[in-house]
Amino acid sequence: MPRPTVAQLTYGSCTVILSTLAMLLLSQASSGSLVVVVAVTSLALGVLVAMTLPTPGHRATVTVARSTVDEPVPASVAAAPEPVREPSTR
C-alpha cells in the first residue's frame, strides 16, 4: 500500500478539523455522545477526502479507437500542390 502524499495528509487533516468545528457549532452539541458521533463522522469524512484525492503517479489512460474504414480524401485536398522548398545556402 503506497504512503499518503503531503497533499492527502493536508486535505484530510483540514477536512477533519473544519468539519468537526462546523458540525459542533451547527448542532450545538452538549452531550458527550453527540460529540463522539460528530468526531467519528468528521474523521470518516477526512479519510474519504484524503483517499479520493488523485495521486501524481496514477493517471487515467485514454485509448482512442481508430477507424478501419478508408474514407475518401476530398478533391480540394488531394489536388492541392505541395509547396516548393528550396535548399538553404548556408
PDB file of N, CA and C in Angstrom:
ATOM      1  N   MET A   1       0.849  -1.179   0.000  1.00  0.00           N
ATOM      2  CA  MET A   1       0.000   0.000   0.000  1.00  0.00           C
ATOM      3  C   MET A   1       0.895   1.243   0.000  1.00  0.00           C
ATOM      4  N   PRO A   2       0.681   2.167  -0.939  1.00  0.00           N
ATOM      5  CA  PRO A   2       1.542   3.348  -1.017  1.00  0.00           C
ATOM      6  C   PRO A   2       1.298   4.305   0.146  1.00  0.00           C
ATOM      7  N   ARG A   3       2.333   5.044   0.474  1.00  0.00           N
ATOM      8  CA  ARG A   3       2.217   6.034   1.550  1.00  0.00           C
ATOM      9  C   ARG A   3       1.405   7.229   1.069  1.00  0.00           C
ATOM     10  N   PRO A   4       0.677   7.870   1.982  1.00  0.00           N
ATOM     11  CA  PRO A   4      -0.091   9.052   1.570  1.00  0.00           C
ATOM     12  C   PRO A   4       0.844  10.222   1.267  1.00  0.00           C
ATOM     13  N   THR A   5       0.446  11.034   0.318  1.00  0.00           N
ATOM     14  CA  THR A   5       1.237  12.206  -0.050  1.00  0.00           C
ATOM     15  C   THR A   5       0.970  13.336   0.936  1.00  0.00           C
ATOM     16  N   VAL A   6       1.782  14.369   0.834  1.00  0.00           N
ATOM     17  CA  VAL A   6       1.614  15.538   1.711  1.00  0.00           C
ATOM     18  C   VAL A   6       0.261  16.196   1.453  1.00  0.00           C
ATOM     19  N   ALA A   7      -0.137  16.245   0.198  1.00  0.00           N
ATOM     20  CA  ALA A   7      -1.430  16.853  -0.139  1.00  0.00           C
ATOM     21  C   ALA A   7      -2.581  16.061   0.467  1.00  0.00           C
ATOM     22  N   GLN A   8      -2.497  14.734   0.423  1.00  0.00           N
ATOM     23  CA  GLN A   8      -3.547  13.913   1.014  1.00  0.00           C
ATOM     24  C   GLN A   8      -3.628  14.133   2.520  1.00  0.00           C
ATOM     25  N   LEU A   9      -2.488  14.170   3.182  1.00  0.00           N
ATOM     26  CA  LEU A   9      -2.490  14.412   4.636  1.00  0.00           C
ATOM     27  C   LEU A   9      -3.037  15.789   4.969  1.00  0.00           C
ATOM     28  N   THR A  10      -2.663  16.784   4.183  1.00  0.00           N
ATOM     29  CA  THR A  10      -3.120  18.157   4.440  1.00  0.00           C
ATOM     30  C   THR A  10      -4.619  18.291   4.232  1.00  0.00           C
ATOM     31  N   TYR A  11      -5.113  17.819   3.096  1.00  0.00           N
ATOM     32  CA  TYR A  11      -6.546  17.923   2.821  1.00  0.00           C
ATOM     33  C   TYR A  11      -7.372  17.109   3.822  1.00  0.00           C
ATOM     34  N   GLY A  12      -6.900  15.928   4.150  1.00  0.00           N
ATOM     35  CA  GLY A  12      -7.625  15.106   5.119  1.00  0.00           C
ATOM     36  C   GLY A  12      -7.677  15.745   6.492  1.00  0.00           C
ATOM     37  N   SER A  13      -6.535  16.280   6.953  1.00  0.00           N
ATOM     38  CA  SER A  13      -6.490  16.923   8.275  1.00  0.00           C
ATOM     39  C   SER A  13      -7.356  18.173   8.326  1.00  0.00           C
ATOM     40  N   CYS A  14      -7.266  18.987   7.290  1.00  0.00           N
ATOM     41  CA  CYS A  14      -8.095  20.199   7.248  1.00  0.00           C
ATOM     42  C   CYS A  14      -9.580  19.851   7.212  1.00  0.00           C
ATOM     43  N   THR A  15      -9.923  18.802   6.496  1.00  0.00           N
ATOM     44  CA  THR A  15     -11.323  18.377   6.440  1.00  0.00           C
ATOM     45  C   THR A  15     -11.813  17.937   7.809  1.00  0.00           C
ATOM     46  N   VAL A  16     -10.991  17.167   8.518  1.00  0.00           N
ATOM     47  CA  VAL A  16     -11.388  16.706   9.851  1.00  0.00           C
ATOM     48  C   VAL A  16     -11.592  17.887  10.788  1.00  0.00           C
ATOM     49  N   ILE A  17     -10.640  18.809  10.809  1.00  0.00           N
ATOM     50  CA  ILE A  17     -10.714  19.949  11.739  1.00  0.00           C
ATOM     51  C   ILE A  17     -11.899  20.840  11.409  1.00  0.00           C
ATOM     52  N   LEU A  18     -12.017  21.240  10.147  1.00  0.00           N
ATOM     53  CA  LEU A  18     -13.087  22.169   9.782  1.00  0.00           C
ATOM     54  C   LEU A  18     -14.476  21.545   9.874  1.00  0.00           C
ATOM     55  N   SER A  19     -14.609  20.272   9.483  1.00  0.00           N
ATOM     56  CA  SER A  19     -15.935  19.656   9.584  1.00  0.00           C
ATOM     57  C   SER A  19     -16.320  19.408  11.041  1.00  0.00           C
ATOM     58  N   THR A  20     -15.354  19.109  11.900  1.00  0.00           N
ATOM     59  CA  THR A  20     -15.663  18.946  13.324  1.00  0.00           C
ATOM     60  C   THR A  20     -16.156  20.261  13.916  1.00  0.00           C
ATOM     61  N   LEU A  21     -15.434  21.337  13.643  1.00  0.00           N
ATOM     62  CA  LEU A  21     -15.855  22.641  14.163  1.00  0.00           C
ATOM     63  C   LEU A  21     -17.232  23.032  13.625  1.00  0.00           C
ATOM     64  N   ALA A  22     -17.444  22.836  12.340  1.00  0.00           N
ATOM     65  CA  ALA A  22     -18.723  23.223  11.741  1.00  0.00           C
ATOM     66  C   ALA A  22     -19.880  22.415  12.321  1.00  0.00           C
ATOM     67  N   MET A  23     -19.692  21.091  12.451  1.00  0.00           N
ATOM     68  CA  MET A  23     -20.786  20.262  12.965  1.00  0.00           C
ATOM     69  C   MET A  23     -21.054  20.538  14.448  1.00  0.00           C
ATOM     70  N   LEU A  24     -19.993  20.796  15.212  1.00  0.00           N
ATOM     71  CA  LEU A  24     -20.207  21.102  16.633  1.00  0.00           C
ATOM     72  C   LEU A  24     -20.909  22.437  16.799  1.00  0.00           C
ATOM     73  N   LEU A  25     -20.552  23.423  15.987  1.00  0.00           N
ATOM     74  CA  LEU A  25     -21.218  24.723  16.094  1.00  0.00           C
ATOM     75  C   LEU A  25     -22.664  24.663  15.601  1.00  0.00           C
ATOM     76  N   LEU A  26     -22.904  23.919  14.527  1.00  0.00           N
ATOM     77  CA  LEU A  26     -24.262  23.848  13.988  1.00  0.00           C
ATOM     78  C   LEU A  26     -25.192  22.992  14.846  1.00  0.00           C
ATOM     79  N   SER A  27     -24.649  21.935  15.441  1.00  0.00           N
ATOM     80  CA  SER A  27     -25.507  21.060  16.238  1.00  0.00           C
ATOM     81  C   SER A  27     -25.631  21.521  17.686  1.00  0.00           C
ATOM     82  N   GLN A  28     -24.781  22.421  18.108  1.00  0.00           N
ATOM     83  CA  GLN A  28     -24.745  22.909  19.497  1.00  0.00           C
ATOM     84  C   GLN A  28     -24.720  21.724  20.458  1.00  0.00           C
ATOM     85  N   ALA A  29     -23.802  20.813  20.200  1.00  0.00           N
ATOM     86  CA  ALA A  29     -23.701  19.577  20.982  1.00  0.00           C
ATOM     87  C   ALA A  29     -23.280  19.885  22.408  1.00  0.00           C
ATOM     88  N   SER A  30     -24.021  19.306  23.354  1.00  0.00           N
ATOM     89  CA  SER A  30     -23.678  19.486  24.764  1.00  0.00           C
ATOM     90  C   SER A  30     -23.430  18.135  25.437  1.00  0.00           C
ATOM     91  N   SER A  31     -23.906  17.055  24.833  1.00  0.00           N
ATOM     92  CA  SER A  31     -23.694  15.744  25.438  1.00  0.00           C
ATOM     93  C   SER A  31     -22.447  15.091  24.841  1.00  0.00           C
ATOM     94  N   GLY A  32     -21.818  14.234  25.626  1.00  0.00           N
ATOM     95  CA  GLY A  32     -20.601  13.567  25.189  1.00  0.00           C
ATOM     96  C   GLY A  32     -20.821  12.619  24.042  1.00  0.00           C
ATOM     97  N   SER A  33     -21.972  11.965  24.018  1.00  0.00           N
ATOM     98  CA  SER A  33     -22.235  11.002  22.945  1.00  0.00           C
ATOM     99  C   SER A  33     -22.387  11.697  21.593  1.00  0.00           C
ATOM    100  N   LEU A  34     -22.991  12.861  21.575  1.00  0.00           N
ATOM    101  CA  LEU A  34     -23.142  13.602  20.323  1.00  0.00           C
ATOM    102  C   LEU A  34     -21.784  14.115  19.832  1.00  0.00           C
ATOM    103  N   VAL A  35     -20.926  14.496  20.756  1.00  0.00           N
ATOM    104  CA  VAL A  35     -19.582  14.945  20.390  1.00  0.00           C
ATOM    105  C   VAL A  35     -18.793  13.787  19.775  1.00  0.00           C
ATOM    106  N   VAL A  36     -18.942  12.588  20.318  1.00  0.00           N
ATOM    107  CA  VAL A  36     -18.257  11.413  19.769  1.00  0.00           C
ATOM    108  C   VAL A  36     -18.771  11.103  18.368  1.00  0.00           C
ATOM    109  N   VAL A  37     -20.073  11.194  18.168  1.00  0.00           N
ATOM    110  CA  VAL A  37     -20.652  10.949  16.847  1.00  0.00           C
ATOM    111  C   VAL A  37     -20.120  11.966  15.836  1.00  0.00           C
ATOM    112  N   VAL A  38     -20.047  13.224  16.235  1.00  0.00           N
ATOM    113  CA  VAL A  38     -19.529  14.271  15.350  1.00  0.00           C
ATOM    114  C   VAL A  38     -18.056  14.007  15.027  1.00  0.00           C
ATOM    115  N   ALA A  39     -17.264  13.618  16.024  1.00  0.00           N
ATOM    116  CA  ALA A  39     -15.840  13.363  15.816  1.00  0.00           C
ATOM    117  C   ALA A  39     -15.617  12.178  14.885  1.00  0.00           C
ATOM    118  N   VAL A  40     -16.371  11.108  15.063  1.00  0.00           N
ATOM    119  CA  VAL A  40     -16.219   9.926  14.215  1.00  0.00           C
ATOM    120  C   VAL A  40     -16.659  10.233  12.782  1.00  0.00           C
ATOM    121  N   THR A  41     -17.725  10.986  12.646  1.00  0.00           N
ATOM    122  CA  THR A  41     -18.205  11.368  11.321  1.00  0.00           C
ATOM    123  C   THR A  41     -17.176  12.248  10.610  1.00  0.00           C
ATOM    124  N   SER A  42     -16.590  13.181  11.328  1.00  0.00           N
ATOM    125  CA  SER A  42     -15.579  14.056  10.746  1.00  0.00           C
ATOM    126  C   SER A  42     -14.330  13.277  10.339  1.00  0.00           C
ATOM    127  N   LEU A  43     -13.937  12.324  11.174  1.00  0.00           N
ATOM    128  CA  LEU A  43     -12.782  11.511  10.849  1.00  0.00           C
ATOM    129  C   LEU A  43     -13.033  10.677   9.593  1.00  0.00           C
ATOM    130  N   ALA A  44     -14.227  10.095   9.477  1.00  0.00           N
ATOM    131  CA  ALA A  44     -14.567   9.316   8.279  1.00  0.00           C
ATOM    132  C   ALA A  44     -14.585  10.210   7.038  1.00  0.00           C
ATOM    133  N   LEU A  45     -15.086  11.417   7.175  1.00  0.00           N
ATOM    134  CA  LEU A  45     -15.109  12.352   6.054  1.00  0.00           C
ATOM    135  C   LEU A  45     -13.689  12.756   5.644  1.00  0.00           C
ATOM    136  N   GLY A  46     -12.811  12.965   6.622  1.00  0.00           N
ATOM    137  CA  GLY A  46     -11.419  13.300   6.325  1.00  0.00           C
ATOM    138  C   GLY A  46     -10.693  12.186   5.609  1.00  0.00           C
ATOM    139  N   VAL A  47     -10.928  10.949   6.025  1.00  0.00           N
ATOM    140  CA  VAL A  47     -10.309   9.802   5.350  1.00  0.00           C
ATOM    141  C   VAL A  47     -10.845   9.685   3.929  1.00  0.00           C
ATOM    142  N   LEU A  48     -12.130   9.908   3.740  1.00  0.00           N
ATOM    143  CA  LEU A  48     -12.725   9.840   2.403  1.00  0.00           C
ATOM    144  C   LEU A  48     -12.115  10.891   1.482  1.00  0.00           C
ATOM    145  N   VAL A  49     -11.948  12.105   1.986  1.00  0.00           N
ATOM    146  CA  VAL A  49     -11.356  13.173   1.173  1.00  0.00           C
ATOM    147  C   VAL A  49      -9.913  12.842   0.826  1.00  0.00           C
ATOM    148  N   ALA A  50      -9.162  12.348   1.804  1.00  0.00           N
ATOM    149  CA  ALA A  50      -7.752  12.032   1.565  1.00  0.00           C
ATOM    150  C   ALA A  50      -7.587  10.881   0.580  1.00  0.00           C
ATOM    151  N   MET A  51      -8.457   9.904   0.632  1.00  0.00           N
ATOM    152  CA  MET A  51      -8.310   8.743  -0.250  1.00  0.00           C
ATOM    153  C   MET A  51      -8.807   9.017  -1.669  1.00  0.00           C
ATOM    154  N   THR A  52      -9.719   9.952  -1.851  1.00  0.00           N
ATOM    155  CA  THR A  52     -10.223  10.246  -3.190  1.00  0.00           C
ATOM    156  C   THR A  52      -9.377  11.273  -3.914  1.00  0.00           C
ATOM    157  N   LEU A  53      -8.431  11.902  -3.233  1.00  0.00           N
ATOM    158  CA  LEU A  53      -7.531  12.852  -3.872  1.00  0.00           C
ATOM    159  C   LEU A  53      -6.620  12.092  -4.823  1.00  0.00           C
ATOM    160  N   PRO A  54      -6.529  12.502  -6.083  1.00  0.00           N
ATOM    161  CA  PRO A  54      -5.707  11.750  -7.035  1.00  0.00           C
ATOM    162  C   PRO A  54      -4.224  11.849  -6.682  1.00  0.00           C
ATOM    163  N   THR A  55      -3.523  10.755  -6.877  1.00  0.00           N
ATOM    164  CA  THR A  55      -2.091  10.741  -6.619  1.00  0.00           C
ATOM    165  C   THR A  55      -1.358  11.061  -7.911  1.00  0.00           C
ATOM    166  N   PRO A  56      -0.176  11.663  -7.841  1.00  0.00           N
ATOM    167  CA  PRO A  56       0.506  12.083  -9.061  1.00  0.00           C
ATOM    168  C   PRO A  56       0.987  10.929  -9.931  1.00  0.00           C
ATOM    169  N   GLY A  57       1.200   9.751  -9.392  1.00  0.00           N
ATOM    170  CA  GLY A  57       1.707   8.640 -10.179  1.00  0.00           C
ATOM    171  C   GLY A  57       0.641   7.879 -10.933  1.00  0.00           C
ATOM    172  N   HIS A  58      -0.616   8.075 -10.591  1.00  0.00           N
ATOM    173  CA  HIS A  58      -1.706   7.317 -11.202  1.00  0.00           C
ATOM    174  C   HIS A  58      -2.514   8.227 -12.103  1.00  0.00           C
ATOM    175  N   ARG A  59      -2.260   8.099 -13.393  1.00  0.00           N
ATOM    176  CA  ARG A  59      -3.010   8.895 -14.367  1.00  0.00           C
ATOM    177  C   ARG A  59      -3.975   7.983 -15.098  1.00  0.00           C
ATOM    178  N   ALA A  60      -5.086   8.534 -15.452  1.00  0.00           N
ATOM    179  CA  ALA A  60      -6.063   7.762 -16.218  1.00  0.00           C
ATOM    180  C   ALA A  60      -5.572   7.655 -17.652  1.00  0.00           C
ATOM    181  N   THR A  61      -5.643   6.473 -18.200  1.00  0.00           N
ATOM    182  CA  THR A  61      -5.229   6.287 -19.585  1.00  0.00           C
ATOM    183  C   THR A  61      -6.458   6.301 -20.477  1.00  0.00           C
ATOM    184  N   VAL A  62      -6.298   6.931 -21.602  1.00  0.00           N
ATOM    185  CA  VAL A  62      -7.389   7.042 -22.562  1.00  0.00           C
ATOM    186  C   VAL A  62      -6.952   6.348 -23.837  1.00  0.00           C
ATOM    187  N   THR A  63      -7.782   5.447 -24.310  1.00  0.00           N
ATOM    188  CA  THR A  63      -7.476   4.770 -25.563  1.00  0.00           C
ATOM    189  C   THR A  63      -8.376   5.326 -26.649  1.00  0.00           C
ATOM    190  N   VAL A  64      -7.779   5.505 -27.806  1.00  0.00           N
ATOM    191  CA  VAL A  64      -8.525   6.047 -28.937  1.00  0.00           C
ATOM    192  C   VAL A  64      -8.649   4.950 -29.980  1.00  0.00           C
ATOM    193  N   ALA A  65      -9.867   4.666 -30.370  1.00  0.00           N
ATOM    194  CA  ALA A  65     -10.114   3.643 -31.390  1.00  0.00           C
ATOM    195  C   ALA A  65      -9.992   4.290 -32.758  1.00  0.00           C
ATOM    196  N   ARG A  66      -9.249   3.644 -33.630  1.00  0.00           N
ATOM    197  CA  ARG A  66      -9.096   4.158 -34.983  1.00  0.00           C
ATOM    198  C   ARG A  66     -10.082   3.453 -35.909  1.00  0.00           C
ATOM    199  N   SER A  67     -10.540   4.195 -36.858  1.00  0.00           N
ATOM    200  CA  SER A  67     -11.475   3.639 -37.833  1.00  0.00           C
ATOM    201  C   SER A  67     -10.716   2.778 -38.832  1.00  0.00           C
ATOM    202  N   THR A  68     -11.270   1.629 -39.161  1.00  0.00           N
ATOM    203  CA  THR A  68     -10.625   0.753 -40.143  1.00  0.00           C
ATOM    204  C   THR A  68     -11.158   1.001 -41.543  1.00  0.00           C
ATOM    205  N   VAL A  69     -12.134   1.865 -41.664  1.00  0.00           N
ATOM    206  CA  VAL A  69     -12.719   2.166 -42.962  1.00  0.00           C
ATOM    207  C   VAL A  69     -11.951   3.329 -43.580  1.00  0.00           C
ATOM    208  N   ASP A  70     -11.463   3.145 -44.804  1.00  0.00           N
ATOM    209  CA  ASP A  70     -10.774   4.227 -45.502  1.00  0.00           C
ATOM    210  C   ASP A  70     -11.806   5.207 -46.022  1.00  0.00           C
ATOM    211  N   GLU A  71     -11.620   6.462 -45.640  1.00  0.00           N
ATOM    212  CA  GLU A  71     -12.532   7.497 -46.099  1.00  0.00           C
ATOM    213  C   GLU A  71     -11.907   8.193 -47.303  1.00  0.00           C
ATOM    214  N   PRO A  72     -12.720   8.558 -48.286  1.00  0.00           N
ATOM    215  CA  PRO A  72     -12.162   9.236 -49.452  1.00  0.00           C
ATOM    216  C   PRO A  72     -11.653  10.631 -49.083  1.00  0.00           C
ATOM    217  N   VAL A  73     -10.564  11.025 -49.719  1.00  0.00           N
ATOM    218  CA  VAL A  73      -9.988  12.343 -49.484  1.00  0.00           C
ATOM    219  C   VAL A  73     -10.714  13.331 -50.378  1.00  0.00           C
ATOM    220  N   PRO A  74     -11.125  14.468 -49.844  1.00  0.00           N
ATOM    221  CA  PRO A  74     -11.799  15.458 -50.685  1.00  0.00           C
ATOM    222  C   PRO A  74     -10.886  15.906 -51.826  1.00  0.00           C
ATOM    223  N   ALA A  75     -11.493  16.224 -52.985  1.00  0.00           N
ATOM    224  CA  ALA A  75     -10.733  16.597 -54.176  1.00  0.00           C
ATOM    225  C   ALA A  75      -9.889  17.840 -53.936  1.00  0.00           C
ATOM    226  N   SER A  76     -10.355  18.769 -53.123  1.00  0.00           N
ATOM    227  CA  SER A  76      -9.609  20.004 -52.894  1.00  0.00           C
ATOM    228  C   SER A  76      -8.314  19.722 -52.127  1.00  0.00           C
ATOM    229  N   VAL A  77      -8.308  18.725 -51.272  1.00  0.00           N
ATOM    230  CA  VAL A  77      -7.109  18.381 -50.521  1.00  0.00           C
ATOM    231  C   VAL A  77      -6.168  17.559 -51.384  1.00  0.00           C
ATOM    232  N   ALA A  78      -6.703  16.611 -52.161  1.00  0.00           N
ATOM    233  CA  ALA A  78      -5.872  15.742 -52.981  1.00  0.00           C
ATOM    234  C   ALA A  78      -5.206  16.512 -54.119  1.00  0.00           C
ATOM    235  N   ALA A  79      -5.850  17.543 -54.660  1.00  0.00           N
ATOM    236  CA  ALA A  79      -5.317  18.275 -55.795  1.00  0.00           C
ATOM    237  C   ALA A  79      -4.447  19.452 -55.390  1.00  0.00           C
ATOM    238  N   ALA A  80      -4.338  19.706 -54.121  1.00  0.00           N
ATOM    239  CA  ALA A  80      -3.553  20.862 -53.680  1.00  0.00           C
ATOM    240  C   ALA A  80      -2.082  20.624 -53.964  1.00  0.00           C
ATOM    241  N   PRO A  81      -1.412  21.585 -54.597  1.00  0.00           N
ATOM    242  CA  PRO A  81       0.011  21.399 -54.903  1.00  0.00           C
ATOM    243  C   PRO A  81       0.851  21.505 -53.634  1.00  0.00           C
ATOM    244  N   GLU A  82       1.932  20.761 -53.634  1.00  0.00           N
ATOM    245  CA  GLU A  82       2.830  20.802 -52.488  1.00  0.00           C
ATOM    246  C   GLU A  82       3.741  22.014 -52.654  1.00  0.00           C
ATOM    247  N   PRO A  83       3.990  22.744 -51.587  1.00  0.00           N
ATOM    248  CA  PRO A  83       4.837  23.941 -51.724  1.00  0.00           C
ATOM    249  C   PRO A  83       6.266  23.550 -52.099  1.00  0.00           C
ATOM    250  N   VAL A  84       6.908  24.415 -52.880  1.00  0.00           N
ATOM    251  CA  VAL A  84       8.273  24.178 -53.327  1.00  0.00           C
ATOM    252  C   VAL A  84       9.225  24.640 -52.232  1.00  0.00           C
ATOM    253  N   ARG A  85      10.135  23.756 -51.882  1.00  0.00           N
ATOM    254  CA  ARG A  85      11.118  24.089 -50.845  1.00  0.00           C
ATOM    255  C   ARG A  85      12.494  24.115 -51.493  1.00  0.00           C
ATOM    256  N   GLU A  86      13.127  25.244 -51.397  1.00  0.00           N
ATOM    257  CA  GLU A  86      14.456  25.370 -51.962  1.00  0.00           C
ATOM    258  C   GLU A  86      15.494  25.082 -50.888  1.00  0.00           C
ATOM    259  N   PRO A  87      16.565  24.431 -51.246  1.00  0.00           N
ATOM    260  CA  PRO A  87      17.596  24.143 -50.245  1.00  0.00           C
ATOM    261  C   PRO A  87      18.235  25.437 -49.756  1.00  0.00           C
ATOM    262  N   SER A  88      18.588  25.425 -48.479  1.00  0.00           N
ATOM    263  CA  SER A  88      19.213  26.622 -47.904  1.00  0.00           C
ATOM    264  C   SER A  88      20.671  26.670 -48.337  1.00  0.00           C
ATOM    265  N   THR A  89      21.199  27.864 -48.478  1.00  0.00           N
ATOM    266  CA  THR A  89      22.569  28.035 -48.955  1.00  0.00           C
ATOM    267  C   THR A  89      23.498  28.458 -47.838  1.00  0.00           C
ATOM    268  N   ARG A  90      23.401  27.927 -46.720  1.00  0.00           N
ATOM    269  CA  ARG A  90      24.264  28.279 -45.590  1.00  0.00           C
ATOM    270  C   ARG A  90      25.526  27.515 -45.594  1.00  0.00           C
TER     271      ARG A  90
END
